[in-house]
PDB file of all heavy atoms in Angstrom:
ATOM      1  N   ALA A   1       0.830  -1.212   0.000  1.00  0.00           N
ATOM      2  CA  ALA A   1       0.000   0.000   0.000  1.00  0.00           C
ATOM      3  C   ALA A   1       0.859   1.255   0.000  1.00  0.00           C
ATOM      4  O   ALA A   1       0.541   2.242  -0.671  1.00  0.00           O
ATOM      5  CB  ALA A   1      -0.926  -0.006   1.211  1.00  0.00           C
ATOM      6  N   ARG A   2       1.953   1.219   0.729  1.00  0.00           N
ATOM      7  CA  ARG A   2       2.828   2.384   0.819  1.00  0.00           C
ATOM      8  C   ARG A   2       3.521   2.706  -0.498  1.00  0.00           C
ATOM      9  O   ARG A   2       4.035   3.809  -0.685  1.00  0.00           O
ATOM     10  CB  ARG A   2       3.864   2.162   1.914  1.00  0.00           C
ATOM     11  CG  ARG A   2       3.283   2.272   3.314  1.00  0.00           C
ATOM     12  CD  ARG A   2       4.267   1.835   4.354  1.00  0.00           C
ATOM     13  NE  ARG A   2       3.804   2.130   5.703  1.00  0.00           N
ATOM     14  CZ  ARG A   2       4.169   1.464   6.786  1.00  0.00           C
ATOM     15  NH1 ARG A   2       5.023   0.443   6.670  1.00  0.00           N
ATOM     16  NH2 ARG A   2       3.708   1.798   7.966  1.00  0.00           N
ATOM     17  N   ARG A   3       3.546   1.753  -1.414  1.00  0.00           N
ATOM     18  CA  ARG A   3       4.196   1.976  -2.702  1.00  0.00           C
ATOM     19  C   ARG A   3       3.321   2.754  -3.665  1.00  0.00           C
ATOM     20  O   ARG A   3       3.787   3.199  -4.717  1.00  0.00           O
ATOM     21  CB  ARG A   3       4.597   0.635  -3.331  1.00  0.00           C
ATOM     22  CG  ARG A   3       5.627  -0.131  -2.508  1.00  0.00           C
ATOM     23  CD  ARG A   3       6.214  -1.289  -3.302  1.00  0.00           C
ATOM     24  NE  ARG A   3       7.133  -2.065  -2.494  1.00  0.00           N
ATOM     25  CZ  ARG A   3       6.871  -3.274  -2.013  1.00  0.00           C
ATOM     26  NH1 ARG A   3       5.694  -3.841  -2.270  1.00  0.00           N
ATOM     27  NH2 ARG A   3       7.752  -3.922  -1.286  1.00  0.00           N
ATOM     28  N   HIS A   4       2.037   2.892  -3.337  1.00  0.00           N
ATOM     29  CA  HIS A   4       1.148   3.658  -4.218  1.00  0.00           C
ATOM     30  C   HIS A   4       1.545   5.128  -4.208  1.00  0.00           C
ATOM     31  O   HIS A   4       1.611   5.758  -3.149  1.00  0.00           O
ATOM     32  CB  HIS A   4      -0.307   3.534  -3.761  1.00  0.00           C
ATOM     33  CG  HIS A   4      -0.937   2.215  -4.065  1.00  0.00           C
ATOM     34  ND1 HIS A   4      -1.217   1.790  -5.345  1.00  0.00           N
ATOM     35  CD2 HIS A   4      -1.359   1.208  -3.240  1.00  0.00           C
ATOM     36  CE1 HIS A   4      -1.773   0.604  -5.304  1.00  0.00           C
ATOM     37  NE2 HIS A   4      -1.869   0.224  -4.040  1.00  0.00           N
ATOM     38  N   ALA A   5       1.803   5.679  -5.383  1.00  0.00           N
ATOM     39  CA  ALA A   5       2.160   7.098  -5.467  1.00  0.00           C
ATOM     40  C   ALA A   5       0.945   7.982  -5.221  1.00  0.00           C
ATOM     41  O   ALA A   5       1.060   9.091  -4.708  1.00  0.00           O
ATOM     42  CB  ALA A   5       2.769   7.407  -6.841  1.00  0.00           C
ATOM     43  N   ASN A   6      -0.222   7.467  -5.571  1.00  0.00           N
ATOM     44  CA  ASN A   6      -1.459   8.227  -5.410  1.00  0.00           C
ATOM     45  C   ASN A   6      -1.972   8.087  -3.982  1.00  0.00           C
ATOM     46  O   ASN A   6      -2.178   6.978  -3.485  1.00  0.00           O
ATOM     47  CB  ASN A   6      -2.505   7.724  -6.409  1.00  0.00           C
ATOM     48  CG  ASN A   6      -3.796   8.511  -6.352  1.00  0.00           C
ATOM     49  OD1 ASN A   6      -4.615   8.295  -5.469  1.00  0.00           O
ATOM     50  ND2 ASN A   6      -3.967   9.436  -7.288  1.00  0.00           N
ATOM     51  N   ALA A   7      -2.174   9.226  -3.301  1.00  0.00           N
ATOM     52  CA  ALA A   7      -2.581   9.212  -1.887  1.00  0.00           C
ATOM     53  C   ALA A   7      -3.939   8.539  -1.691  1.00  0.00           C
ATOM     54  O   ALA A   7      -4.145   7.821  -0.708  1.00  0.00           O
ATOM     55  CB  ALA A   7      -2.611  10.633  -1.335  1.00  0.00           C
ATOM     56  N   ALA A   8      -4.868   8.772  -2.625  1.00  0.00           N
ATOM     57  CA  ALA A   8      -6.197   8.169  -2.498  1.00  0.00           C
ATOM     58  C   ALA A   8      -6.108   6.644  -2.592  1.00  0.00           C
ATOM     59  O   ALA A   8      -6.764   5.921  -1.837  1.00  0.00           O
ATOM     60  CB  ALA A   8      -7.126   8.722  -3.570  1.00  0.00           C
ATOM     61  N   ASP A   9      -5.305   6.136  -3.524  1.00  0.00           N
ATOM     62  CA  ASP A   9      -5.139   4.683  -3.655  1.00  0.00           C
ATOM     63  C   ASP A   9      -4.489   4.100  -2.407  1.00  0.00           C
ATOM     64  O   ASP A   9      -4.846   3.004  -1.961  1.00  0.00           O
ATOM     65  CB  ASP A   9      -4.276   4.366  -4.879  1.00  0.00           C
ATOM     66  CG  ASP A   9      -4.983   4.683  -6.186  1.00  0.00           C
ATOM     67  OD1 ASP A   9      -6.231   4.780  -6.170  1.00  0.00           O
ATOM     68  OD2 ASP A   9      -4.291   4.823  -7.205  1.00  0.00           O
ATOM     69  N   ARG A  10      -3.529   4.838  -1.854  1.00  0.00           N
ATOM     70  CA  ARG A  10      -2.840   4.377  -0.651  1.00  0.00           C
ATOM     71  C   ARG A  10      -3.821   4.257   0.515  1.00  0.00           C
ATOM     72  O   ARG A  10      -3.837   3.256   1.228  1.00  0.00           O
ATOM     73  CB  ARG A  10      -1.708   5.354  -0.319  1.00  0.00           C
ATOM     74  CG  ARG A  10      -0.751   4.867   0.752  1.00  0.00           C
ATOM     75  CD  ARG A  10       0.571   5.619   0.702  1.00  0.00           C
ATOM     76  NE  ARG A  10       0.414   7.052   0.855  1.00  0.00           N
ATOM     77  CZ  ARG A  10       0.670   7.955  -0.109  1.00  0.00           C
ATOM     78  NH1 ARG A  10       1.088   7.553  -1.302  1.00  0.00           N
ATOM     79  NH2 ARG A  10       0.500   9.242   0.108  1.00  0.00           N
ATOM     80  N   LEU A  11      -4.670   5.271   0.689  1.00  0.00           N
ATOM     81  CA  LEU A  11      -5.650   5.251   1.766  1.00  0.00           C
ATOM     82  C   LEU A  11      -6.685   4.148   1.572  1.00  0.00           C
ATOM     83  O   LEU A  11      -7.084   3.471   2.521  1.00  0.00           O
ATOM     84  CB  LEU A  11      -6.354   6.607   1.875  1.00  0.00           C
ATOM     85  CG  LEU A  11      -5.624   7.713   2.624  1.00  0.00           C
ATOM     86  CD1 LEU A  11      -6.418   9.007   2.544  1.00  0.00           C
ATOM     87  CD2 LEU A  11      -5.387   7.322   4.072  1.00  0.00           C
ATOM     88  N   ASN A  12      -7.128   3.952   0.337  1.00  0.00           N
ATOM     89  CA  ASN A  12      -8.128   2.912   0.068  1.00  0.00           C
ATOM     90  C   ASN A  12      -7.594   1.536   0.428  1.00  0.00           C
ATOM     91  O   ASN A  12      -8.318   0.706   0.987  1.00  0.00           O
ATOM     92  CB  ASN A  12      -8.542   2.947  -1.404  1.00  0.00           C
ATOM     93  CG  ASN A  12      -9.516   4.065  -1.700  1.00  0.00           C
ATOM     94  OD1 ASN A  12     -10.248   4.507  -0.814  1.00  0.00           O
ATOM     95  ND2 ASN A  12      -9.542   4.530  -2.937  1.00  0.00           N
ATOM     96  N   GLU A  13      -6.319   1.288   0.113  1.00  0.00           N
ATOM     97  CA  GLU A  13      -5.748  -0.014   0.440  1.00  0.00           C
ATOM     98  C   GLU A  13      -5.600  -0.174   1.944  1.00  0.00           C
ATOM     99  O   GLU A  13      -5.832  -1.254   2.494  1.00  0.00           O
ATOM    100  CB  GLU A  13      -4.396  -0.171  -0.255  1.00  0.00           C
ATOM    101  CG  GLU A  13      -3.736  -1.522  -0.008  1.00  0.00           C
ATOM    102  CD  GLU A  13      -4.600  -2.701  -0.456  1.00  0.00           C
ATOM    103  OE1 GLU A  13      -5.394  -2.536  -1.408  1.00  0.00           O
ATOM    104  OE2 GLU A  13      -4.495  -3.771   0.168  1.00  0.00           O
ATOM    105  N   MET A  14      -5.229   0.897   2.648  1.00  0.00           N
ATOM    106  CA  MET A  14      -5.114   0.827   4.104  1.00  0.00           C
ATOM    107  C   MET A  14      -6.482   0.583   4.736  1.00  0.00           C
ATOM    108  O   MET A  14      -6.604  -0.171   5.706  1.00  0.00           O
ATOM    109  CB  MET A  14      -4.481   2.107   4.651  1.00  0.00           C
ATOM    110  CG  MET A  14      -3.003   2.242   4.324  1.00  0.00           C
ATOM    111  SD  MET A  14      -2.283   3.736   5.045  1.00  0.00           S
ATOM    112  CE  MET A  14      -0.574   3.573   4.491  1.00  0.00           C
ATOM    113  N   ARG A  15      -7.515   1.207   4.197  1.00  0.00           N
ATOM    114  CA  ARG A  15      -8.873   0.948   4.697  1.00  0.00           C
ATOM    115  C   ARG A  15      -9.234  -0.523   4.527  1.00  0.00           C
ATOM    116  O   ARG A  15      -9.867  -1.133   5.390  1.00  0.00           O
ATOM    117  CB  ARG A  15      -9.890   1.816   3.951  1.00  0.00           C
ATOM    118  CG  ARG A  15      -9.808   3.297   4.268  1.00  0.00           C
ATOM    119  CD  ARG A  15     -10.972   4.058   3.649  1.00  0.00           C
ATOM    120  NE  ARG A  15     -10.781   5.480   3.758  1.00  0.00           N
ATOM    121  CZ  ARG A  15     -10.400   6.267   2.756  1.00  0.00           C
ATOM    122  NH1 ARG A  15     -10.188   5.740   1.549  1.00  0.00           N
ATOM    123  NH2 ARG A  15     -10.236   7.559   2.938  1.00  0.00           N
ATOM    124  N   SER A  16      -8.844  -1.100   3.395  1.00  0.00           N
ATOM    125  CA  SER A  16      -9.128  -2.507   3.134  1.00  0.00           C
ATOM    126  C   SER A  16      -8.416  -3.407   4.140  1.00  0.00           C
ATOM    127  O   SER A  16      -8.984  -4.407   4.617  1.00  0.00           O
ATOM    128  CB  SER A  16      -8.689  -2.863   1.707  1.00  0.00           C
ATOM    129  OG  SER A  16      -8.872  -4.233   1.449  1.00  0.00           O
ATOM    130  N   ILE A  17      -7.188  -3.052   4.503  1.00  0.00           N
ATOM    131  CA  ILE A  17      -6.431  -3.828   5.480  1.00  0.00           C
ATOM    132  C   ILE A  17      -7.119  -3.781   6.843  1.00  0.00           C
ATOM    133  O   ILE A  17      -7.275  -4.802   7.520  1.00  0.00           O
ATOM    134  CB  ILE A  17      -4.986  -3.298   5.580  1.00  0.00           C
ATOM    135  CG1 ILE A  17      -4.239  -3.552   4.267  1.00  0.00           C
ATOM    136  CG2 ILE A  17      -4.253  -3.950   6.744  1.00  0.00           C
ATOM    137  CD1 ILE A  17      -2.894  -2.858   4.191  1.00  0.00           C
ATOM    138  N   VAL A  18      -7.526  -2.581   7.259  1.00  0.00           N
ATOM    139  CA  VAL A  18      -8.195  -2.425   8.554  1.00  0.00           C
ATOM    140  C   VAL A  18      -9.511  -3.205   8.564  1.00  0.00           C
ATOM    141  O   VAL A  18      -9.845  -3.879   9.547  1.00  0.00           O
ATOM    142  CB  VAL A  18      -8.441  -0.943   8.874  1.00  0.00           C
ATOM    143  CG1 VAL A  18      -9.285  -0.801  10.129  1.00  0.00           C
ATOM    144  CG2 VAL A  18      -7.111  -0.213   9.060  1.00  0.00           C
ATOM    145  N   LYS A  19     -10.259  -3.123   7.476  1.00  0.00           N
ATOM    146  CA  LYS A  19     -11.522  -3.865   7.398  1.00  0.00           C
ATOM    147  C   LYS A  19     -11.283  -5.362   7.562  1.00  0.00           C
ATOM    148  O   LYS A  19     -11.991  -6.040   8.322  1.00  0.00           O
ATOM    149  CB  LYS A  19     -12.206  -3.601   6.059  1.00  0.00           C
ATOM    150  CG  LYS A  19     -13.447  -4.463   5.833  1.00  0.00           C
ATOM    151  CD  LYS A  19     -14.017  -4.291   4.447  1.00  0.00           C
ATOM    152  CE  LYS A  19     -15.162  -5.266   4.222  1.00  0.00           C
ATOM    153  NZ  LYS A  19     -15.724  -5.152   2.847  1.00  0.00           N
ATOM    154  N   ASP A  20     -10.281  -5.888   6.873  1.00  0.00           N
ATOM    155  CA  ASP A  20     -10.011  -7.319   6.955  1.00  0.00           C
ATOM    156  C   ASP A  20      -9.526  -7.710   8.348  1.00  0.00           C
ATOM    157  O   ASP A  20      -9.825  -8.817   8.832  1.00  0.00           O
ATOM    158  CB  ASP A  20      -8.975  -7.716   5.907  1.00  0.00           C
ATOM    159  CG  ASP A  20      -9.542  -7.691   4.493  1.00  0.00           C
ATOM    160  OD1 ASP A  20     -10.780  -7.644   4.354  1.00  0.00           O
ATOM    161  OD2 ASP A  20      -8.745  -7.718   3.537  1.00  0.00           O
ATOM    162  N   ALA A  21      -8.786  -6.819   9.018  1.00  0.00           N
ATOM    163  CA  ALA A  21      -8.335  -7.104  10.386  1.00  0.00           C
ATOM    164  C   ALA A  21      -9.519  -7.186  11.341  1.00  0.00           C
ATOM    165  O   ALA A  21      -9.550  -8.019  12.251  1.00  0.00           O
ATOM    166  CB  ALA A  21      -7.347  -6.038  10.851  1.00  0.00           C
ATOM    167  N   VAL A  22     -10.508  -6.322  11.131  1.00  0.00           N
ATOM    168  CA  VAL A  22     -11.714  -6.348  11.963  1.00  0.00           C
ATOM    169  C   VAL A  22     -12.563  -7.576  11.642  1.00  0.00           C
ATOM    170  O   VAL A  22     -12.973  -8.325  12.532  1.00  0.00           O
ATOM    171  CB  VAL A  22     -12.538  -5.058  11.759  1.00  0.00           C
ATOM    172  CG1 VAL A  22     -13.907  -5.170  12.442  1.00  0.00           C
ATOM    173  CG2 VAL A  22     -11.788  -3.844  12.297  1.00  0.00           C
ATOM    174  N   CYS A  23     -12.796  -7.811  10.350  1.00  0.00           N
ATOM    175  CA  CYS A  23     -13.703  -8.884   9.949  1.00  0.00           C
ATOM    176  C   CYS A  23     -13.113 -10.267  10.190  1.00  0.00           C
ATOM    177  O   CYS A  23     -13.860 -11.243  10.343  1.00  0.00           O
ATOM    178  CB  CYS A  23     -14.084  -8.716   8.483  1.00  0.00           C
ATOM    179  SG  CYS A  23     -15.093  -7.253   8.139  1.00  0.00           S
ATOM    180  N   SER A  24     -11.780 -10.377  10.224  1.00  0.00           N
ATOM    181  CA  SER A  24     -11.166 -11.684  10.446  1.00  0.00           C
ATOM    182  C   SER A  24     -10.959 -11.985  11.923  1.00  0.00           C
ATOM    183  O   SER A  24     -10.478 -13.052  12.282  1.00  0.00           O
ATOM    184  CB  SER A  24      -9.826 -11.777   9.707  1.00  0.00           C
ATOM    185  OG  SER A  24      -8.907 -10.825  10.199  1.00  0.00           O
ATOM    186  N   GLY A  25     -11.316 -11.043  12.804  1.00  0.00           N
ATOM    187  CA  GLY A  25     -11.309 -11.339  14.226  1.00  0.00           C
ATOM    188  C   GLY A  25     -10.071 -10.918  14.985  1.00  0.00           C
ATOM    189  O   GLY A  25      -9.790 -11.482  16.039  1.00  0.00           O
ATOM    190  N   HIS A  26      -9.341  -9.921  14.493  1.00  0.00           N
ATOM    191  CA  HIS A  26      -8.170  -9.419  15.215  1.00  0.00           C
ATOM    192  C   HIS A  26      -8.467  -8.144  16.002  1.00  0.00           C
ATOM    193  O   HIS A  26      -7.788  -7.853  16.983  1.00  0.00           O
ATOM    194  CB  HIS A  26      -7.022  -9.155  14.245  1.00  0.00           C
ATOM    195  CG  HIS A  26      -6.461 -10.402  13.631  1.00  0.00           C
ATOM    196  ND1 HIS A  26      -5.667 -11.273  14.328  1.00  0.00           N
ATOM    197  CD2 HIS A  26      -6.608 -10.926  12.391  1.00  0.00           C
ATOM    198  CE1 HIS A  26      -5.324 -12.281  13.538  1.00  0.00           C
ATOM    199  NE2 HIS A  26      -5.891 -12.096  12.366  1.00  0.00           N
ATOM    200  N   LEU A  27      -9.428  -7.379  15.556  1.00  0.00           N
ATOM    201  CA  LEU A  27      -9.807  -6.130  16.209  1.00  0.00           C
ATOM    202  C   LEU A  27     -11.314  -6.108  16.374  1.00  0.00           C
ATOM    203  O   LEU A  27     -12.052  -6.514  15.477  1.00  0.00           O
ATOM    204  CB  LEU A  27      -9.380  -4.908  15.376  1.00  0.00           C
ATOM    205  CG  LEU A  27      -7.885  -4.700  15.142  1.00  0.00           C
ATOM    206  CD1 LEU A  27      -7.657  -3.635  14.074  1.00  0.00           C
ATOM    207  CD2 LEU A  27      -7.193  -4.306  16.431  1.00  0.00           C
ATOM    208  N   LEU A  28     -11.768  -5.623  17.529  1.00  0.00           N
ATOM    209  CA  LEU A  28     -13.208  -5.541  17.779  1.00  0.00           C
ATOM    210  C   LEU A  28     -13.546  -4.131  18.253  1.00  0.00           C
ATOM    211  O   LEU A  28     -13.324  -3.788  19.414  1.00  0.00           O
ATOM    212  CB  LEU A  28     -13.623  -6.564  18.840  1.00  0.00           C
ATOM    213  CG  LEU A  28     -15.092  -6.557  19.260  1.00  0.00           C
ATOM    214  CD1 LEU A  28     -15.987  -6.805  18.053  1.00  0.00           C
ATOM    215  CD2 LEU A  28     -15.346  -7.610  20.323  1.00  0.00           C
ATOM    216  N   PRO A  29     -14.045  -3.272  17.354  1.00  0.00           N
ATOM    217  CA  PRO A  29     -14.420  -1.920  17.771  1.00  0.00           C
ATOM    218  C   PRO A  29     -15.504  -1.960  18.837  1.00  0.00           C
ATOM    219  O   PRO A  29     -16.441  -2.757  18.757  1.00  0.00           O
ATOM    220  CB  PRO A  29     -14.949  -1.285  16.476  1.00  0.00           C
ATOM    221  CG  PRO A  29     -14.368  -2.100  15.375  1.00  0.00           C
ATOM    222  CD  PRO A  29     -14.285  -3.500  15.916  1.00  0.00           C
ATOM    223  N   LEU A  30     -15.374  -1.104  19.837  1.00  0.00           N
ATOM    224  CA  LEU A  30     -16.360  -1.067  20.919  1.00  0.00           C
ATOM    225  C   LEU A  30     -17.218   0.185  20.841  1.00  0.00           C
ATOM    226  O   LEU A  30     -18.412   0.115  20.597  1.00  0.00           O
ATOM    227  CB  LEU A  30     -15.657  -1.128  22.283  1.00  0.00           C
ATOM    228  CG  LEU A  30     -14.951  -2.432  22.637  1.00  0.00           C
ATOM    229  CD1 LEU A  30     -14.317  -2.309  24.022  1.00  0.00           C
ATOM    230  CD2 LEU A  30     -15.920  -3.596  22.611  1.00  0.00           C
ATOM    231  N   ILE A  31     -16.620   1.353  21.089  1.00  0.00           N
ATOM    232  CA  ILE A  31     -17.410   2.586  21.148  1.00  0.00           C
ATOM    233  C   ILE A  31     -16.653   3.743  20.514  1.00  0.00           C
ATOM    234  O   ILE A  31     -15.436   3.705  20.343  1.00  0.00           O
ATOM    235  CB  ILE A  31     -17.752   2.968  22.602  1.00  0.00           C
ATOM    236  CG1 ILE A  31     -16.451   3.178  23.396  1.00  0.00           C
ATOM    237  CG2 ILE A  31     -18.641   1.932  23.262  1.00  0.00           C
ATOM    238  CD1 ILE A  31     -16.662   3.744  24.779  1.00  0.00           C
ATOM    239  N   HIS A  32     -17.392   4.764  20.159  1.00  0.00           N
ATOM    240  CA  HIS A  32     -16.833   6.053  19.775  1.00  0.00           C
ATOM    241  C   HIS A  32     -17.310   7.097  20.783  1.00  0.00           C
ATOM    242  O   HIS A  32     -18.437   7.032  21.269  1.00  0.00           O
ATOM    243  CB  HIS A  32     -17.278   6.462  18.371  1.00  0.00           C
ATOM    244  CG  HIS A  32     -16.672   5.639  17.284  1.00  0.00           C
ATOM    245  ND1 HIS A  32     -17.239   5.538  16.034  1.00  0.00           N
ATOM    246  CD2 HIS A  32     -15.552   4.873  17.247  1.00  0.00           C
ATOM    247  CE1 HIS A  32     -16.496   4.760  15.270  1.00  0.00           C
ATOM    248  NE2 HIS A  32     -15.475   4.340  15.989  1.00  0.00           N
ATOM    249  N   LEU A  33     -16.446   8.056  21.071  1.00  0.00           N
ATOM    250  CA  LEU A  33     -16.757   9.139  22.001  1.00  0.00           C
ATOM    251  C   LEU A  33     -16.919  10.434  21.216  1.00  0.00           C
ATOM    252  O   LEU A  33     -16.006  10.859  20.520  1.00  0.00           O
ATOM    253  CB  LEU A  33     -15.639   9.289  23.035  1.00  0.00           C
ATOM    254  CG  LEU A  33     -15.640  10.569  23.881  1.00  0.00           C
ATOM    255  CD1 LEU A  33     -16.887  10.627  24.750  1.00  0.00           C
ATOM    256  CD2 LEU A  33     -14.392  10.632  24.751  1.00  0.00           C
ATOM    257  N   SER A  34     -18.090  11.048  21.310  1.00  0.00           N
ATOM    258  CA  SER A  34     -18.340  12.300  20.617  1.00  0.00           C
ATOM    259  C   SER A  34     -17.769  13.467  21.403  1.00  0.00           C
ATOM    260  O   SER A  34     -17.924  13.546  22.620  1.00  0.00           O
ATOM    261  CB  SER A  34     -19.851  12.517  20.422  1.00  0.00           C
ATOM    262  OG  SER A  34     -20.386  11.492  19.627  1.00  0.00           O
ATOM    263  N   THR A  35     -17.134  14.369  20.712  1.00  0.00           N
ATOM    264  CA  THR A  35     -16.609  15.580  21.331  1.00  0.00           C
ATOM    265  C   THR A  35     -16.331  16.582  20.222  1.00  0.00           C
ATOM    266  O   THR A  35     -16.562  16.315  19.051  1.00  0.00           O
ATOM    267  CB  THR A  35     -15.326  15.281  22.141  1.00  0.00           C
ATOM    268  OG1 THR A  35     -14.988  16.439  22.894  1.00  0.00           O
ATOM    269  CG2 THR A  35     -14.161  14.917  21.240  1.00  0.00           C
ATOM    270  N   VAL A  36     -15.829  17.727  20.571  1.00  0.00           N
ATOM    271  CA  VAL A  36     -15.523  18.759  19.581  1.00  0.00           C
ATOM    272  C   VAL A  36     -14.017  18.826  19.393  1.00  0.00           C
ATOM    273  O   VAL A  36     -13.257  18.934  20.346  1.00  0.00           O
ATOM    274  CB  VAL A  36     -16.062  20.129  20.032  1.00  0.00           C
ATOM    275  CG1 VAL A  36     -15.633  21.206  19.052  1.00  0.00           C
ATOM    276  CG2 VAL A  36     -17.571  20.092  20.126  1.00  0.00           C
TER     277      VAL A  36
END
């Protein structure tokens, strides 16, 4: 992902990695805290 020269492509691939880490059972999001 880091080899992508285009920033948007780089971010999209990183999002895909995070999604797979969550969906495959390595990370479990719990809550978000709202603030300013």
